[in-house]
Structure formats: C-alpha cells, structure tokens
Amino acid sequence: MQLGKNGITDNFIENLKKCFQTSDSVRISVLQSAGHERETIKKYNEEILTRLGENYTSKLIGFKIILRKWRKARNKI
C-alpha cells in the first residue's frame, strides 16, 4: 500500500483492515508527498497502530512501514 498526501484517513484504515483479512503482514510505502522526514513517518506509524488496535506491531525501514497482525495482543518493546 501507499501513503500519500492525504495522510491517514478512515478509508486508508479500512483498506488496511481488508488487506489483513488475506495476509499477516502489510508493507506501506510513504510517498514523498506525505512527507519524507523521519519524525513524520514515526507519527504516521504511531497513528496507524493506535487506530488498528493492540494485535498489530510495526517496523520502520527507511520510508516503509511494515505492519504485522498477531492473533493475540503483543507486548510493546
């Protein structure tokens, strides 16, 4: 998936949830129009995790956010 200039919208979160119905992990590319500052990407990551719930974890690699869904809630490290 791609995160663009509109940022994180309700429609974006709904599309993420649909993707997780068929797979355990989703890779989100943060486009340049959404902001390529490291702090902006961290804010997007935190917002996505809070809106999805406790069963999700993430990893930041460059301009990508990799999300993983677990069956049970995971402890934050």
N, C-alpha and C. Protein backbone atom coordinates (compact mmCIF):
# COMPACT_ATOMS: atom_id res chain seq x y z
N MET A 1 0.84 -1.17 0.00
CA MET A 1 0.00 0.00 0.00
C MET A 1 0.89 1.24 0.00
N GLN A 2 0.27 2.35 -0.37
CA GLN A 2 1.00 3.61 -0.40
C GLN A 2 0.27 4.64 0.44
N LEU A 3 1.04 5.42 1.17
CA LEU A 3 0.51 6.50 1.98
C LEU A 3 0.91 7.81 1.31
N GLY A 4 -0.09 8.56 0.83
CA GLY A 4 0.19 9.76 0.06
C GLY A 4 -0.13 11.04 0.80
N LYS A 5 -0.40 12.08 0.01
CA LYS A 5 -0.57 13.42 0.56
C LYS A 5 -1.81 13.57 1.44
N ASN A 6 -2.80 12.71 1.29
CA ASN A 6 -3.99 12.78 2.13
C ASN A 6 -3.73 12.29 3.55
N GLY A 7 -2.65 11.59 3.75
CA GLY A 7 -2.31 11.09 5.08
C GLY A 7 -3.17 9.90 5.46
N ILE A 8 -3.39 9.74 6.75
CA ILE A 8 -4.15 8.60 7.25
C ILE A 8 -5.61 9.02 7.39
N THR A 9 -6.44 8.44 6.56
CA THR A 9 -7.87 8.73 6.58
C THR A 9 -8.62 7.47 7.02
N ASP A 10 -9.92 7.61 7.25
CA ASP A 10 -10.73 6.46 7.61
C ASP A 10 -10.72 5.42 6.50
N ASN A 11 -10.73 5.88 5.26
CA ASN A 11 -10.71 4.98 4.11
C ASN A 11 -9.39 4.19 4.06
N PHE A 12 -8.28 4.85 4.38
CA PHE A 12 -6.98 4.18 4.41
C PHE A 12 -6.97 3.06 5.45
N ILE A 13 -7.51 3.34 6.63
CA ILE A 13 -7.56 2.33 7.70
C ILE A 13 -8.46 1.16 7.30
N GLU A 14 -9.58 1.45 6.66
CA GLU A 14 -10.48 0.38 6.20
C GLU A 14 -9.78 -0.50 5.16
N ASN A 15 -9.03 0.11 4.25
CA ASN A 15 -8.29 -0.67 3.25
C ASN A 15 -7.21 -1.53 3.92
N LEU A 16 -6.57 -1.01 4.96
CA LEU A 16 -5.59 -1.80 5.70
C LEU A 16 -6.24 -3.03 6.33
N LYS A 17 -7.40 -2.83 6.93
CA LYS A 17 -8.09 -3.94 7.57
C LYS A 17 -8.49 -5.00 6.55
N LYS A 18 -8.87 -4.58 5.35
CA LYS A 18 -9.20 -5.53 4.28
C LYS A 18 -7.97 -6.31 3.85
N CYS A 19 -6.82 -5.65 3.80
CA CYS A 19 -5.58 -6.33 3.43
C CYS A 19 -5.21 -7.39 4.46
N PHE A 20 -5.47 -7.11 5.73
CA PHE A 20 -5.14 -8.06 6.78
C PHE A 20 -6.07 -9.26 6.82
N GLN A 21 -7.17 -9.23 6.09
CA GLN A 21 -8.04 -10.39 6.02
C GLN A 21 -7.40 -11.51 5.22
N THR A 22 -6.49 -11.16 4.31
CA THR A 22 -5.87 -12.18 3.46
C THR A 22 -4.40 -12.42 3.77
N SER A 23 -3.75 -11.53 4.53
CA SER A 23 -2.33 -11.72 4.82
C SER A 23 -2.02 -11.29 6.25
N ASP A 24 -0.87 -11.75 6.74
CA ASP A 24 -0.45 -11.44 8.10
C ASP A 24 0.38 -10.16 8.19
N SER A 25 0.96 -9.73 7.07
CA SER A 25 1.78 -8.53 7.10
C SER A 25 1.50 -7.67 5.87
N VAL A 26 1.64 -6.36 6.07
CA VAL A 26 1.40 -5.39 5.00
C VAL A 26 2.54 -4.39 5.01
N ARG A 27 3.03 -4.06 3.83
CA ARG A 27 4.10 -3.09 3.67
C ARG A 27 3.51 -1.79 3.13
N ILE A 28 3.74 -0.69 3.83
CA ILE A 28 3.23 0.62 3.43
C ILE A 28 4.40 1.49 3.01
N SER A 29 4.35 2.00 1.79
CA SER A 29 5.36 2.93 1.31
C SER A 29 4.87 4.35 1.56
N VAL A 30 5.68 5.14 2.25
CA VAL A 30 5.33 6.53 2.50
C VAL A 30 5.87 7.35 1.33
N LEU A 31 4.96 7.94 0.57
CA LEU A 31 5.36 8.71 -0.60
C LEU A 31 5.94 10.06 -0.20
N GLN A 32 6.68 10.66 -1.10
CA GLN A 32 7.33 11.94 -0.82
C GLN A 32 6.30 13.03 -0.54
N SER A 33 5.13 12.96 -1.16
CA SER A 33 4.10 13.96 -0.94
C SER A 33 3.52 13.90 0.47
N ALA A 34 3.66 12.75 1.15
CA ALA A 34 3.17 12.61 2.52
C ALA A 34 4.18 13.15 3.52
N GLY A 35 5.40 13.31 3.11
CA GLY A 35 6.45 13.82 3.99
C GLY A 35 7.53 12.78 4.18
N HIS A 36 8.76 13.15 3.90
CA HIS A 36 9.86 12.20 4.00
C HIS A 36 10.76 12.51 5.18
N GLU A 37 10.25 13.21 6.19
CA GLU A 37 11.03 13.42 7.40
C GLU A 37 10.84 12.22 8.32
N ARG A 38 11.86 11.86 9.02
CA ARG A 38 11.81 10.68 9.90
C ARG A 38 10.74 10.84 10.98
N GLU A 39 10.62 12.04 11.54
CA GLU A 39 9.63 12.28 12.59
C GLU A 39 8.20 12.14 12.06
N THR A 40 7.97 12.58 10.83
CA THR A 40 6.64 12.45 10.22
C THR A 40 6.26 10.99 10.04
N ILE A 41 7.21 10.19 9.60
CA ILE A 41 6.95 8.76 9.39
C ILE A 41 6.69 8.08 10.73
N LYS A 42 7.39 8.48 11.79
CA LYS A 42 7.14 7.91 13.12
C LYS A 42 5.74 8.28 13.61
N LYS A 43 5.29 9.51 13.34
CA LYS A 43 3.94 9.92 13.73
C LYS A 43 2.89 9.11 12.98
N TYR A 44 3.10 8.91 11.68
CA TYR A 44 2.17 8.07 10.90
C TYR A 44 2.11 6.66 11.49
N ASN A 45 3.27 6.12 11.82
CA ASN A 45 3.35 4.77 12.38
C ASN A 45 2.55 4.68 13.67
N GLU A 46 2.74 5.62 14.58
CA GLU A 46 2.02 5.60 15.86
C GLU A 46 0.51 5.74 15.66
N GLU A 47 0.10 6.61 14.73
CA GLU A 47 -1.33 6.80 14.49
C GLU A 47 -1.97 5.55 13.90
N ILE A 48 -1.27 4.90 12.98
CA ILE A 48 -1.80 3.67 12.39
C ILE A 48 -1.97 2.60 13.45
N LEU A 49 -0.96 2.43 14.32
CA LEU A 49 -1.04 1.40 15.36
C LEU A 49 -2.16 1.68 16.35
N THR A 50 -2.37 2.93 16.73
CA THR A 50 -3.44 3.23 17.68
C THR A 50 -4.81 3.02 17.06
N ARG A 51 -4.95 3.30 15.77
CA ARG A 51 -6.25 3.14 15.12
C ARG A 51 -6.56 1.69 14.78
N LEU A 52 -5.53 0.86 14.59
CA LEU A 52 -5.76 -0.56 14.27
C LEU A 52 -6.05 -1.38 15.52
N GLY A 53 -5.34 -1.16 16.60
CA GLY A 53 -5.58 -1.92 17.82
C GLY A 53 -4.31 -2.56 18.36
N GLU A 54 -4.48 -3.38 19.39
CA GLU A 54 -3.35 -3.97 20.10
C GLU A 54 -2.77 -5.20 19.43
N ASN A 55 -3.45 -5.78 18.48
CA ASN A 55 -2.96 -7.01 17.84
C ASN A 55 -1.96 -6.75 16.72
N TYR A 56 -1.49 -5.53 16.59
CA TYR A 56 -0.61 -5.17 15.49
C TYR A 56 0.72 -4.63 16.02
N THR A 57 1.79 -4.96 15.30
CA THR A 57 3.10 -4.40 15.59
C THR A 57 3.67 -3.83 14.29
N SER A 58 4.69 -3.02 14.41
CA SER A 58 5.25 -2.40 13.20
C SER A 58 6.76 -2.31 13.29
N LYS A 59 7.35 -2.09 12.12
CA LYS A 59 8.79 -1.91 12.00
C LYS A 59 9.02 -0.86 10.93
N LEU A 60 9.88 0.10 11.21
CA LEU A 60 10.20 1.15 10.24
C LEU A 60 11.52 0.83 9.57
N ILE A 61 11.51 0.82 8.24
CA ILE A 61 12.72 0.62 7.45
C ILE A 61 12.73 1.68 6.36
N GLY A 62 13.55 2.68 6.53
CA GLY A 62 13.61 3.76 5.55
C GLY A 62 12.29 4.48 5.45
N PHE A 63 11.69 4.49 4.27
CA PHE A 63 10.41 5.15 4.04
C PHE A 63 9.28 4.14 3.98
N LYS A 64 9.47 2.98 4.59
CA LYS A 64 8.45 1.93 4.61
C LYS A 64 8.05 1.62 6.03
N ILE A 65 6.76 1.34 6.20
CA ILE A 65 6.22 0.87 7.48
C ILE A 65 5.73 -0.54 7.24
N ILE A 66 6.27 -1.50 7.98
CA ILE A 66 5.87 -2.88 7.83
C ILE A 66 5.01 -3.24 9.04
N LEU A 67 3.76 -3.58 8.78
CA LEU A 67 2.81 -3.92 9.84
C LEU A 67 2.60 -5.42 9.89
N ARG A 68 2.43 -5.95 11.08
CA ARG A 68 2.19 -7.38 11.26
C ARG A 68 1.02 -7.56 12.20
N LYS A 69 0.13 -8.48 11.86
CA LYS A 69 -1.02 -8.78 12.70
C LYS A 69 -0.77 -10.09 13.45
N TRP A 70 -1.07 -10.08 14.74
CA TRP A 70 -0.92 -11.25 15.59
C TRP A 70 -2.30 -11.70 16.06
N ARG A 71 -2.42 -12.95 16.41
CA ARG A 71 -3.70 -13.46 16.91
C ARG A 71 -4.02 -12.90 18.29
N LYS A 72 -3.01 -12.76 19.12
CA LYS A 72 -3.17 -12.21 20.46
C LYS A 72 -2.44 -10.88 20.55
N ALA A 73 -2.83 -10.04 21.49
CA ALA A 73 -2.18 -8.76 21.69
C ALA A 73 -0.72 -8.99 22.09
N ARG A 74 0.18 -8.21 21.50
CA ARG A 74 1.61 -8.33 21.77
C ARG A 74 2.03 -7.26 22.76
N ASN A 75 3.07 -7.56 23.52
CA ASN A 75 3.65 -6.56 24.43
C ASN A 75 4.51 -5.61 23.63
N LYS A 76 4.41 -4.32 23.94
CA LYS A 76 5.26 -3.34 23.25
C LYS A 76 6.65 -3.39 23.81
N ILE A 77 7.64 -3.34 22.92
CA ILE A 77 9.03 -3.40 23.34
C ILE A 77 9.62 -2.01 23.30
